[in-house]
PDB file of N, CA and C in Angstrom:
ATOM      1  N   MET A   1     -14.137 -41.882  41.231  1.00  0.00           N
ATOM      2  CA  MET A   1     -13.700 -41.087  42.353  1.00  0.00           C
ATOM      3  C   MET A   1     -14.901 -40.366  42.960  1.00  0.00           C
ATOM      4  N   ARG A   2     -15.094 -40.561  44.232  1.00  0.00           N
ATOM      5  CA  ARG A   2     -16.201 -39.891  44.926  1.00  0.00           C
ATOM      6  C   ARG A   2     -15.806 -38.478  45.286  1.00  0.00           C
ATOM      7  N   ARG A   3     -16.734 -37.588  45.139  1.00  0.00           N
ATOM      8  CA  ARG A   3     -16.490 -36.198  45.511  1.00  0.00           C
ATOM      9  C   ARG A   3     -16.971 -35.955  46.926  1.00  0.00           C
ATOM     10  N   LYS A   4     -16.276 -35.066  47.612  1.00  0.00           N
ATOM     11  CA  LYS A   4     -16.706 -34.669  48.936  1.00  0.00           C
ATOM     12  C   LYS A   4     -17.950 -33.799  48.800  1.00  0.00           C
ATOM     13  N   PRO A   5     -18.823 -33.799  49.813  1.00  0.00           N
ATOM     14  CA  PRO A   5     -20.005 -32.939  49.737  1.00  0.00           C
ATOM     15  C   PRO A   5     -19.646 -31.473  49.489  1.00  0.00           C
ATOM     16  N   SER A   6     -18.518 -31.009  50.032  1.00  0.00           N
ATOM     17  CA  SER A   6     -18.146 -29.609  49.838  1.00  0.00           C
ATOM     18  C   SER A   6     -17.803 -29.323  48.378  1.00  0.00           C
ATOM     19  N   GLN A   7     -17.308 -30.318  47.637  1.00  0.00           N
ATOM     20  CA  GLN A   7     -16.989 -30.110  46.227  1.00  0.00           C
ATOM     21  C   GLN A   7     -18.261 -29.974  45.401  1.00  0.00           C
ATOM     22  N   LEU A   8     -19.329 -30.625  45.818  1.00  0.00           N
ATOM     23  CA  LEU A   8     -20.592 -30.520  45.113  1.00  0.00           C
ATOM     24  C   LEU A   8     -21.356 -29.271  45.521  1.00  0.00           C
ATOM     25  N   PHE A   9     -21.098 -28.778  46.720  1.00  0.00           N
ATOM     26  CA  PHE A   9     -21.826 -27.645  47.254  1.00  0.00           C
ATOM     27  C   PHE A   9     -21.412 -26.338  46.593  1.00  0.00           C
ATOM     28  N   ILE A  10     -20.145 -26.196  46.224  1.00  0.00           N
ATOM     29  CA  ILE A  10     -19.664 -24.932  45.666  1.00  0.00           C
ATOM     30  C   ILE A  10     -20.408 -24.564  44.390  1.00  0.00           C
ATOM     31  N   PRO A  11     -20.488 -25.436  43.365  1.00  0.00           N
ATOM     32  CA  PRO A  11     -21.237 -25.049  42.170  1.00  0.00           C
ATOM     33  C   PRO A  11     -22.710 -24.781  42.472  1.00  0.00           C
ATOM     34  N   ALA A  12     -23.307 -25.560  43.370  1.00  0.00           N
ATOM     35  CA  ALA A  12     -24.710 -25.350  43.707  1.00  0.00           C
ATOM     36  C   ALA A  12     -24.906 -23.993  44.365  1.00  0.00           C
ATOM     37  N   LEU A  13     -23.996 -23.612  45.241  1.00  0.00           N
ATOM     38  CA  LEU A  13     -24.072 -22.316  45.916  1.00  0.00           C
ATOM     39  C   LEU A  13     -23.951 -21.188  44.907  1.00  0.00           C
ATOM     40  N   LEU A  14     -23.008 -21.292  44.005  1.00  0.00           N
ATOM     41  CA  LEU A  14     -22.800 -20.241  43.012  1.00  0.00           C
ATOM     42  C   LEU A  14     -24.006 -20.124  42.085  1.00  0.00           C
ATOM     43  N   LEU A  15     -24.516 -21.264  41.634  1.00  0.00           N
ATOM     44  CA  LEU A  15     -25.638 -21.224  40.707  1.00  0.00           C
ATOM     45  C   LEU A  15     -26.919 -20.765  41.391  1.00  0.00           C
ATOM     46  N   ALA A  16     -27.109 -21.120  42.651  1.00  0.00           N
ATOM     47  CA  ALA A  16     -28.303 -20.685  43.360  1.00  0.00           C
ATOM     48  C   ALA A  16     -28.320 -19.164  43.476  1.00  0.00           C
ATOM     49  N   GLY A  17     -27.188 -18.570  43.744  1.00  0.00           N
ATOM     50  CA  GLY A  17     -27.112 -17.122  43.842  1.00  0.00           C
ATOM     51  C   GLY A  17     -27.321 -16.444  42.511  1.00  0.00           C
ATOM     52  N   CYS A  18     -26.968 -17.116  41.425  1.00  0.00           N
ATOM     53  CA  CYS A  18     -27.112 -16.530  40.095  1.00  0.00           C
ATOM     54  C   CYS A  18     -28.504 -16.776  39.528  1.00  0.00           C
ATOM     55  N   ALA A  19     -29.063 -17.964  39.752  1.00  0.00           N
ATOM     56  CA  ALA A  19     -30.328 -18.326  39.127  1.00  0.00           C
ATOM     57  C   ALA A  19     -31.524 -17.670  39.799  1.00  0.00           C
ATOM     58  N   ALA A  20     -31.436 -17.387  41.080  1.00  0.00           N
ATOM     59  CA  ALA A  20     -32.573 -16.835  41.798  1.00  0.00           C
ATOM     60  C   ALA A  20     -32.668 -15.327  41.656  1.00  0.00           C
ATOM     61  N   ALA A  21     -31.868 -14.750  40.822  1.00  0.00           N
ATOM     62  CA  ALA A  21     -31.793 -13.306  40.720  1.00  0.00           C
ATOM     63  C   ALA A  21     -32.719 -12.770  39.628  1.00  0.00           C
ATOM     64  N   PRO A  22     -33.133 -11.521  39.767  1.00  0.00           N
ATOM     65  CA  PRO A  22     -33.889 -10.917  38.684  1.00  0.00           C
ATOM     66  C   PRO A  22     -32.985 -10.678  37.478  1.00  0.00           C
ATOM     67  N   GLU A  23     -33.604 -10.385  36.352  1.00  0.00           N
ATOM     68  CA  GLU A  23     -32.821 -10.152  35.136  1.00  0.00           C
ATOM     69  C   GLU A  23     -31.818  -9.021  35.373  1.00  0.00           C
ATOM     70  N   HIS A  24     -30.669  -9.156  34.790  1.00  0.00           N
ATOM     71  CA  HIS A  24     -29.644  -8.122  34.911  1.00  0.00           C
ATOM     72  C   HIS A  24     -29.259  -7.661  33.515  1.00  0.00           C
ATOM     73  N   GLU A  25     -28.611  -6.530  33.482  1.00  0.00           N
ATOM     74  CA  GLU A  25     -28.215  -5.986  32.193  1.00  0.00           C
ATOM     75  C   GLU A  25     -27.095  -6.819  31.592  1.00  0.00           C
ATOM     76  N   GLU A  26     -27.165  -7.049  30.315  1.00  0.00           N
ATOM     77  CA  GLU A  26     -26.120  -7.792  29.611  1.00  0.00           C
ATOM     78  C   GLU A  26     -24.950  -6.860  29.338  1.00  0.00           C
ATOM     79  N   ARG A  27     -23.776  -7.375  29.459  1.00  0.00           N
ATOM     80  CA  ARG A  27     -22.581  -6.594  29.161  1.00  0.00           C
ATOM     81  C   ARG A  27     -21.798  -7.338  28.093  1.00  0.00           C
ATOM     82  N   PRO A  28     -22.118  -7.100  26.831  1.00  0.00           N
ATOM     83  CA  PRO A  28     -21.441  -7.830  25.759  1.00  0.00           C
ATOM     84  C   PRO A  28     -19.958  -7.518  25.721  1.00  0.00           C
ATOM     85  N   GLY A  29     -19.203  -8.515  25.377  1.00  0.00           N
ATOM     86  CA  GLY A  29     -17.761  -8.333  25.245  1.00  0.00           C
ATOM     87  C   GLY A  29     -17.001  -8.400  26.560  1.00  0.00           C
ATOM     88  N   LEU A  30     -17.704  -8.604  27.671  1.00  0.00           N
ATOM     89  CA  LEU A  30     -17.029  -8.659  28.966  1.00  0.00           C
ATOM     90  C   LEU A  30     -16.514 -10.071  29.191  1.00  0.00           C
ATOM     91  N   ARG A  31     -15.251 -10.281  28.970  1.00  0.00           N
ATOM     92  CA  ARG A  31     -14.618 -11.570  29.227  1.00  0.00           C
ATOM     93  C   ARG A  31     -13.364 -11.300  30.037  1.00  0.00           C
ATOM     94  N   PRO A  32     -13.505 -11.332  31.359  1.00  0.00           N
ATOM     95  CA  PRO A  32     -12.337 -11.038  32.191  1.00  0.00           C
ATOM     96  C   PRO A  32     -11.242 -12.075  32.005  1.00  0.00           C
ATOM     97  N   SER A  33     -10.035 -11.679  32.258  1.00  0.00           N
ATOM     98  CA  SER A  33      -8.930 -12.630  32.137  1.00  0.00           C
ATOM     99  C   SER A  33      -8.684 -13.270  33.501  1.00  0.00           C
ATOM    100  N   PHE A  34      -8.850 -14.576  33.547  1.00  0.00           N
ATOM    101  CA  PHE A  34      -8.609 -15.357  34.752  1.00  0.00           C
ATOM    102  C   PHE A  34      -7.408 -16.257  34.500  1.00  0.00           C
ATOM    103  N   PRO A  35      -6.688 -16.649  35.552  1.00  0.00           N
ATOM    104  CA  PRO A  35      -5.557 -17.564  35.362  1.00  0.00           C
ATOM    105  C   PRO A  35      -6.042 -18.949  34.946  1.00  0.00           C
ATOM    106  N   ASP A  36      -5.146 -19.733  34.380  1.00  0.00           N
ATOM    107  CA  ASP A  36      -5.472 -21.118  34.051  1.00  0.00           C
ATOM    108  C   ASP A  36      -5.831 -21.864  35.323  1.00  0.00           C
ATOM    109  N   ALA A  37      -6.666 -22.890  35.195  1.00  0.00           N
ATOM    110  CA  ALA A  37      -7.117 -23.643  36.366  1.00  0.00           C
ATOM    111  C   ALA A  37      -5.943 -24.252  37.130  1.00  0.00           C
ATOM    112  N   GLY A  38      -4.895 -24.647  36.443  1.00  0.00           N
ATOM    113  CA  GLY A  38      -3.730 -25.227  37.102  1.00  0.00           C
ATOM    114  C   GLY A  38      -2.934 -24.239  37.940  1.00  0.00           C
ATOM    115  N   GLN A  39      -3.126 -22.947  37.694  1.00  0.00           N
ATOM    116  CA  GLN A  39      -2.405 -21.918  38.435  1.00  0.00           C
ATOM    117  C   GLN A  39      -3.160 -21.426  39.670  1.00  0.00           C
ATOM    118  N   LEU A  40      -4.384 -21.907  39.866  1.00  0.00           N
ATOM    119  CA  LEU A  40      -5.169 -21.467  41.014  1.00  0.00           C
ATOM    120  C   LEU A  40      -4.637 -22.093  42.293  1.00  0.00           C
ATOM    121  N   PRO A  41      -4.654 -21.348  43.397  1.00  0.00           N
ATOM    122  CA  PRO A  41      -4.185 -21.911  44.669  1.00  0.00           C
ATOM    123  C   PRO A  41      -5.162 -22.955  45.197  1.00  0.00           C
ATOM    124  N   VAL A  42      -4.658 -23.917  45.919  1.00  0.00           N
ATOM    125  CA  VAL A  42      -5.489 -24.945  46.536  1.00  0.00           C
ATOM    126  C   VAL A  42      -6.136 -24.343  47.774  1.00  0.00           C
ATOM    127  N   GLN A  43      -7.456 -24.534  47.902  1.00  0.00           N
ATOM    128  CA  GLN A  43      -8.178 -24.038  49.066  1.00  0.00           C
ATOM    129  C   GLN A  43      -8.788 -25.212  49.796  1.00  0.00           C
ATOM    130  N   GLY A  44      -8.545 -25.310  51.091  1.00  0.00           N
ATOM    131  CA  GLY A  44      -9.092 -26.403  51.884  1.00  0.00           C
ATOM    132  C   GLY A  44     -10.533 -26.175  52.277  1.00  0.00           C
ATOM    133  N   ASP A  45     -10.907 -24.918  52.486  1.00  0.00           N
ATOM    134  CA  ASP A  45     -12.263 -24.583  52.918  1.00  0.00           C
ATOM    135  C   ASP A  45     -13.017 -23.899  51.790  1.00  0.00           C
ATOM    136  N   LEU A  46     -14.313 -23.778  51.983  1.00  0.00           N
ATOM    137  CA  LEU A  46     -15.125 -23.050  51.013  1.00  0.00           C
ATOM    138  C   LEU A  46     -14.749 -21.570  51.031  1.00  0.00           C
ATOM    139  N   PRO A  47     -14.673 -20.939  49.873  1.00  0.00           N
ATOM    140  CA  PRO A  47     -14.384 -19.507  49.869  1.00  0.00           C
ATOM    141  C   PRO A  47     -15.601 -18.720  50.360  1.00  0.00           C
ATOM    142  N   ASP A  48     -15.349 -17.553  50.899  1.00  0.00           N
ATOM    143  CA  ASP A  48     -16.428 -16.689  51.366  1.00  0.00           C
ATOM    144  C   ASP A  48     -17.104 -16.056  50.155  1.00  0.00           C
ATOM    145  N   PRO A  49     -18.402 -16.304  49.937  1.00  0.00           N
ATOM    146  CA  PRO A  49     -19.066 -15.752  48.752  1.00  0.00           C
ATOM    147  C   PRO A  49     -19.242 -14.240  48.805  1.00  0.00           C
ATOM    148  N   LEU A  50     -18.986 -13.619  49.958  1.00  0.00           N
ATOM    149  CA  LEU A  50     -19.153 -12.176  50.083  1.00  0.00           C
ATOM    150  C   LEU A  50     -17.827 -11.417  50.024  1.00  0.00           C
ATOM    151  N   VAL A  51     -16.769 -12.067  49.563  1.00  0.00           N
ATOM    152  CA  VAL A  51     -15.476 -11.396  49.403  1.00  0.00           C
ATOM    153  C   VAL A  51     -15.142 -11.378  47.920  1.00  0.00           C
ATOM    154  N   MET A  52     -14.943 -10.167  47.403  1.00  0.00           N
ATOM    155  CA  MET A  52     -14.633  -9.980  45.989  1.00  0.00           C
ATOM    156  C   MET A  52     -13.249 -10.551  45.683  1.00  0.00           C
ATOM    157  N   LEU A  53     -12.960 -10.722  44.402  1.00  0.00           N
ATOM    158  CA  LEU A  53     -11.654 -11.241  44.004  1.00  0.00           C
ATOM    159  C   LEU A  53     -10.511 -10.328  44.421  1.00  0.00           C
ATOM    160  N   ASP A  54     -10.788  -9.024  44.517  1.00  0.00           N
ATOM    161  CA  ASP A  54      -9.738  -8.089  44.929  1.00  0.00           C
ATOM    162  C   ASP A  54      -9.641  -7.946  46.448  1.00  0.00           C
ATOM    163  N   GLY A  55     -10.442  -8.723  47.197  1.00  0.00           N
ATOM    164  CA  GLY A  55     -10.353  -8.731  48.659  1.00  0.00           C
ATOM    165  C   GLY A  55     -11.366  -7.851  49.359  1.00  0.00           C
ATOM    166  N   ARG A  56     -12.073  -7.003  48.630  1.00  0.00           N
ATOM    167  CA  ARG A  56     -13.087  -6.163  49.270  1.00  0.00           C
ATOM    168  C   ARG A  56     -14.268  -7.021  49.707  1.00  0.00           C
ATOM    169  N   ARG A  57     -14.907  -6.625  50.796  1.00  0.00           N
ATOM    170  CA  ARG A  57     -16.048  -7.366  51.330  1.00  0.00           C
ATOM    171  C   ARG A  57     -17.348  -6.723  50.842  1.00  0.00           C
ATOM    172  N   VAL A  58     -18.308  -7.541  50.423  1.00  0.00           N
ATOM    173  CA  VAL A  58     -19.620  -7.052  50.015  1.00  0.00           C
ATOM    174  C   VAL A  58     -20.416  -6.778  51.278  1.00  0.00           C
ATOM    175  N   THR A  59     -20.928  -5.552  51.410  1.00  0.00           N
ATOM    176  CA  THR A  59     -21.639  -5.169  52.635  1.00  0.00           C
ATOM    177  C   THR A  59     -23.075  -4.745  52.391  1.00  0.00           C
ATOM    178  N   THR A  60     -23.461  -4.582  51.108  1.00  0.00           N
ATOM    179  CA  THR A  60     -24.825  -4.139  50.802  1.00  0.00           C
ATOM    180  C   THR A  60     -25.432  -5.032  49.730  1.00  0.00           C
ATOM    181  N   PRO A  61     -26.765  -5.084  49.668  1.00  0.00           N
ATOM    182  CA  PRO A  61     -27.395  -5.831  48.575  1.00  0.00           C
ATOM    183  C   PRO A  61     -26.999  -5.276  47.200  1.00  0.00           C
ATOM    184  N   GLU A  62     -26.842  -3.973  47.099  1.00  0.00           N
ATOM    185  CA  GLU A  62     -26.439  -3.377  45.824  1.00  0.00           C
ATOM    186  C   GLU A  62     -25.046  -3.847  45.420  1.00  0.00           C
ATOM    187  N   GLY A  63     -24.160  -3.982  46.392  1.00  0.00           N
ATOM    188  CA  GLY A  63     -22.816  -4.495  46.119  1.00  0.00           C
ATOM    189  C   GLY A  63     -22.856  -5.922  45.598  1.00  0.00           C
ATOM    190  N   TRP A  64     -23.796  -6.710  46.130  1.00  0.00           N
ATOM    191  CA  TRP A  64     -23.944  -8.091  45.654  1.00  0.00           C
ATOM    192  C   TRP A  64     -24.414  -8.095  44.213  1.00  0.00           C
ATOM    193  N   TRP A  65     -25.506  -7.388  43.926  1.00  0.00           N
ATOM    194  CA  TRP A  65     -26.104  -7.434  42.592  1.00  0.00           C
ATOM    195  C   TRP A  65     -25.236  -6.776  41.527  1.00  0.00           C
ATOM    196  N   LYS A  66     -24.556  -5.703  41.864  1.00  0.00           N
ATOM    197  CA  LYS A  66     -23.804  -4.956  40.845  1.00  0.00           C
ATOM    198  C   LYS A  66     -22.359  -5.401  40.692  1.00  0.00           C
ATOM    199  N   GLU A  67     -21.778  -5.991  41.745  1.00  0.00           N
ATOM    200  CA  GLU A  67     -20.358  -6.334  41.672  1.00  0.00           C
ATOM    201  C   GLU A  67     -20.077  -7.825  41.851  1.00  0.00           C
ATOM    202  N   ARG A  68     -20.478  -8.383  42.996  1.00  0.00           N
ATOM    203  CA  ARG A  68     -20.079  -9.756  43.310  1.00  0.00           C
ATOM    204  C   ARG A  68     -20.799 -10.790  42.449  1.00  0.00           C
ATOM    205  N   ARG A  69     -22.098 -10.635  42.251  1.00  0.00           N
ATOM    206  CA  ARG A  69     -22.841 -11.605  41.444  1.00  0.00           C
ATOM    207  C   ARG A  69     -22.294 -11.695  40.021  1.00  0.00           C
ATOM    208  N   PRO A  70     -22.082 -10.569  39.321  1.00  0.00           N
ATOM    209  CA  PRO A  70     -21.492 -10.678  37.980  1.00  0.00           C
ATOM    210  C   PRO A  70     -20.103 -11.312  37.996  1.00  0.00           C
ATOM    211  N   GLU A  71     -19.352 -11.063  39.071  1.00  0.00           N
ATOM    212  CA  GLU A  71     -18.029 -11.668  39.199  1.00  0.00           C
ATOM    213  C   GLU A  71     -18.141 -13.191  39.325  1.00  0.00           C
ATOM    214  N   LEU A  72     -19.074 -13.664  40.142  1.00  0.00           N
ATOM    215  CA  LEU A  72     -19.279 -15.103  40.288  1.00  0.00           C
ATOM    216  C   LEU A  72     -19.791 -15.724  38.996  1.00  0.00           C
ATOM    217  N   GLU A  73     -20.697 -15.026  38.304  1.00  0.00           N
ATOM    218  CA  GLU A  73     -21.178 -15.524  37.019  1.00  0.00           C
ATOM    219  C   GLU A  73     -20.028 -15.690  36.033  1.00  0.00           C
ATOM    220  N   ALA A  74     -19.134 -14.710  36.006  1.00  0.00           N
ATOM    221  CA  ALA A  74     -17.993 -14.776  35.090  1.00  0.00           C
ATOM    222  C   ALA A  74     -17.074 -15.941  35.451  1.00  0.00           C
ATOM    223  N   LEU A  75     -16.857 -16.180  36.746  1.00  0.00           N
ATOM    224  CA  LEU A  75     -16.025 -17.305  37.168  1.00  0.00           C
ATOM    225  C   LEU A  75     -16.641 -18.639  36.770  1.00  0.00           C
ATOM    226  N   VAL A  76     -17.945 -18.795  37.023  1.00  0.00           N
ATOM    227  CA  VAL A  76     -18.626 -20.042  36.674  1.00  0.00           C
ATOM    228  C   VAL A  76     -18.598 -20.242  35.163  1.00  0.00           C
ATOM    229  N   GLN A  77     -18.839 -19.170  34.429  1.00  0.00           N
ATOM    230  CA  GLN A  77     -18.837 -19.272  32.977  1.00  0.00           C
ATOM    231  C   GLN A  77     -17.446 -19.621  32.458  1.00  0.00           C
ATOM    232  N   HIS A  78     -16.419 -19.032  33.013  1.00  0.00           N
ATOM    233  CA  HIS A  78     -15.052 -19.273  32.544  1.00  0.00           C
ATOM    234  C   HIS A  78     -14.558 -20.681  32.880  1.00  0.00           C
ATOM    235  N   TYR A  79     -14.747 -21.094  34.133  1.00  0.00           N
ATOM    236  CA  TYR A  79     -14.158 -22.357  34.588  1.00  0.00           C
ATOM    237  C   TYR A  79     -15.060 -23.573  34.425  1.00  0.00           C
ATOM    238  N   MET A  80     -16.382 -23.388  34.333  1.00  0.00           N
ATOM    239  CA  MET A  80     -17.266 -24.548  34.313  1.00  0.00           C
ATOM    240  C   MET A  80     -18.009 -24.745  32.997  1.00  0.00           C
ATOM    241  N   TYR A  81     -18.671 -23.719  32.512  1.00  0.00           N
ATOM    242  CA  TYR A  81     -19.620 -23.915  31.424  1.00  0.00           C
ATOM    243  C   TYR A  81     -19.207 -23.323  30.087  1.00  0.00           C
ATOM    244  N   GLY A  82     -18.266 -22.428  30.066  1.00  0.00           N
ATOM    245  CA  GLY A  82     -17.884 -21.784  28.819  1.00  0.00           C
ATOM    246  C   GLY A  82     -18.807 -20.643  28.455  1.00  0.00           C
ATOM    247  N   TYR A  83     -18.537 -20.029  27.332  1.00  0.00           N
ATOM    248  CA  TYR A  83     -19.277 -18.848  26.920  1.00  0.00           C
ATOM    249  C   TYR A  83     -20.387 -19.221  25.962  1.00  0.00           C
ATOM    250  N   LEU A  84     -21.531 -18.576  26.111  1.00  0.00           N
ATOM    251  CA  LEU A  84     -22.671 -18.830  25.246  1.00  0.00           C
ATOM    252  C   LEU A  84     -22.428 -18.186  23.879  1.00  0.00           C
ATOM    253  N   PRO A  85     -22.930 -18.806  22.831  1.00  0.00           N
ATOM    254  CA  PRO A  85     -22.832 -18.160  21.523  1.00  0.00           C
ATOM    255  C   PRO A  85     -23.802 -16.978  21.472  1.00  0.00           C
ATOM    256  N   PRO A  86     -23.582 -16.069  20.549  1.00  0.00           N
ATOM    257  CA  PRO A  86     -24.530 -14.945  20.441  1.00  0.00           C
ATOM    258  C   PRO A  86     -25.911 -15.453  20.014  1.00  0.00           C
ATOM    259  N   PRO A  87     -26.958 -14.722  20.374  1.00  0.00           N
ATOM    260  CA  PRO A  87     -28.305 -15.165  19.987  1.00  0.00           C
ATOM    261  C   PRO A  87     -28.464 -15.162  18.471  1.00  0.00           C
ATOM    262  N   PRO A  88     -29.267 -16.090  17.941  1.00  0.00           N
ATOM    263  CA  PRO A  88     -29.455 -16.121  16.486  1.00  0.00           C
ATOM    264  C   PRO A  88     -30.207 -14.881  16.006  1.00  0.00           C
ATOM    265  N   ARG A  89     -29.975 -14.533  14.770  1.00  0.00           N
ATOM    266  CA  ARG A  89     -30.662 -13.352  14.213  1.00  0.00           C
ATOM    267  C   ARG A  89     -31.991 -13.752  13.630  1.00  0.00           C
TER     268      ARG A  89
END
């Protein structure tokens, strides 16, 4: 099955915003509860990367780094890659 370019663009967009960032503080134990993938609504268009899950719009760089970016990281980690194991001792 061939994927549409927009289906390939979403993960690339999310990862580009996460990978190009400076180091951020780790928040151990933060595992937000997201619905199962089957319960998510179907979206025809790309979602706006500057709109938080609760509907608020990101308007400042600080809002991106402190709120939206960690939210996107959590979504990618939950739905795509899973959680990393703790670092070895």
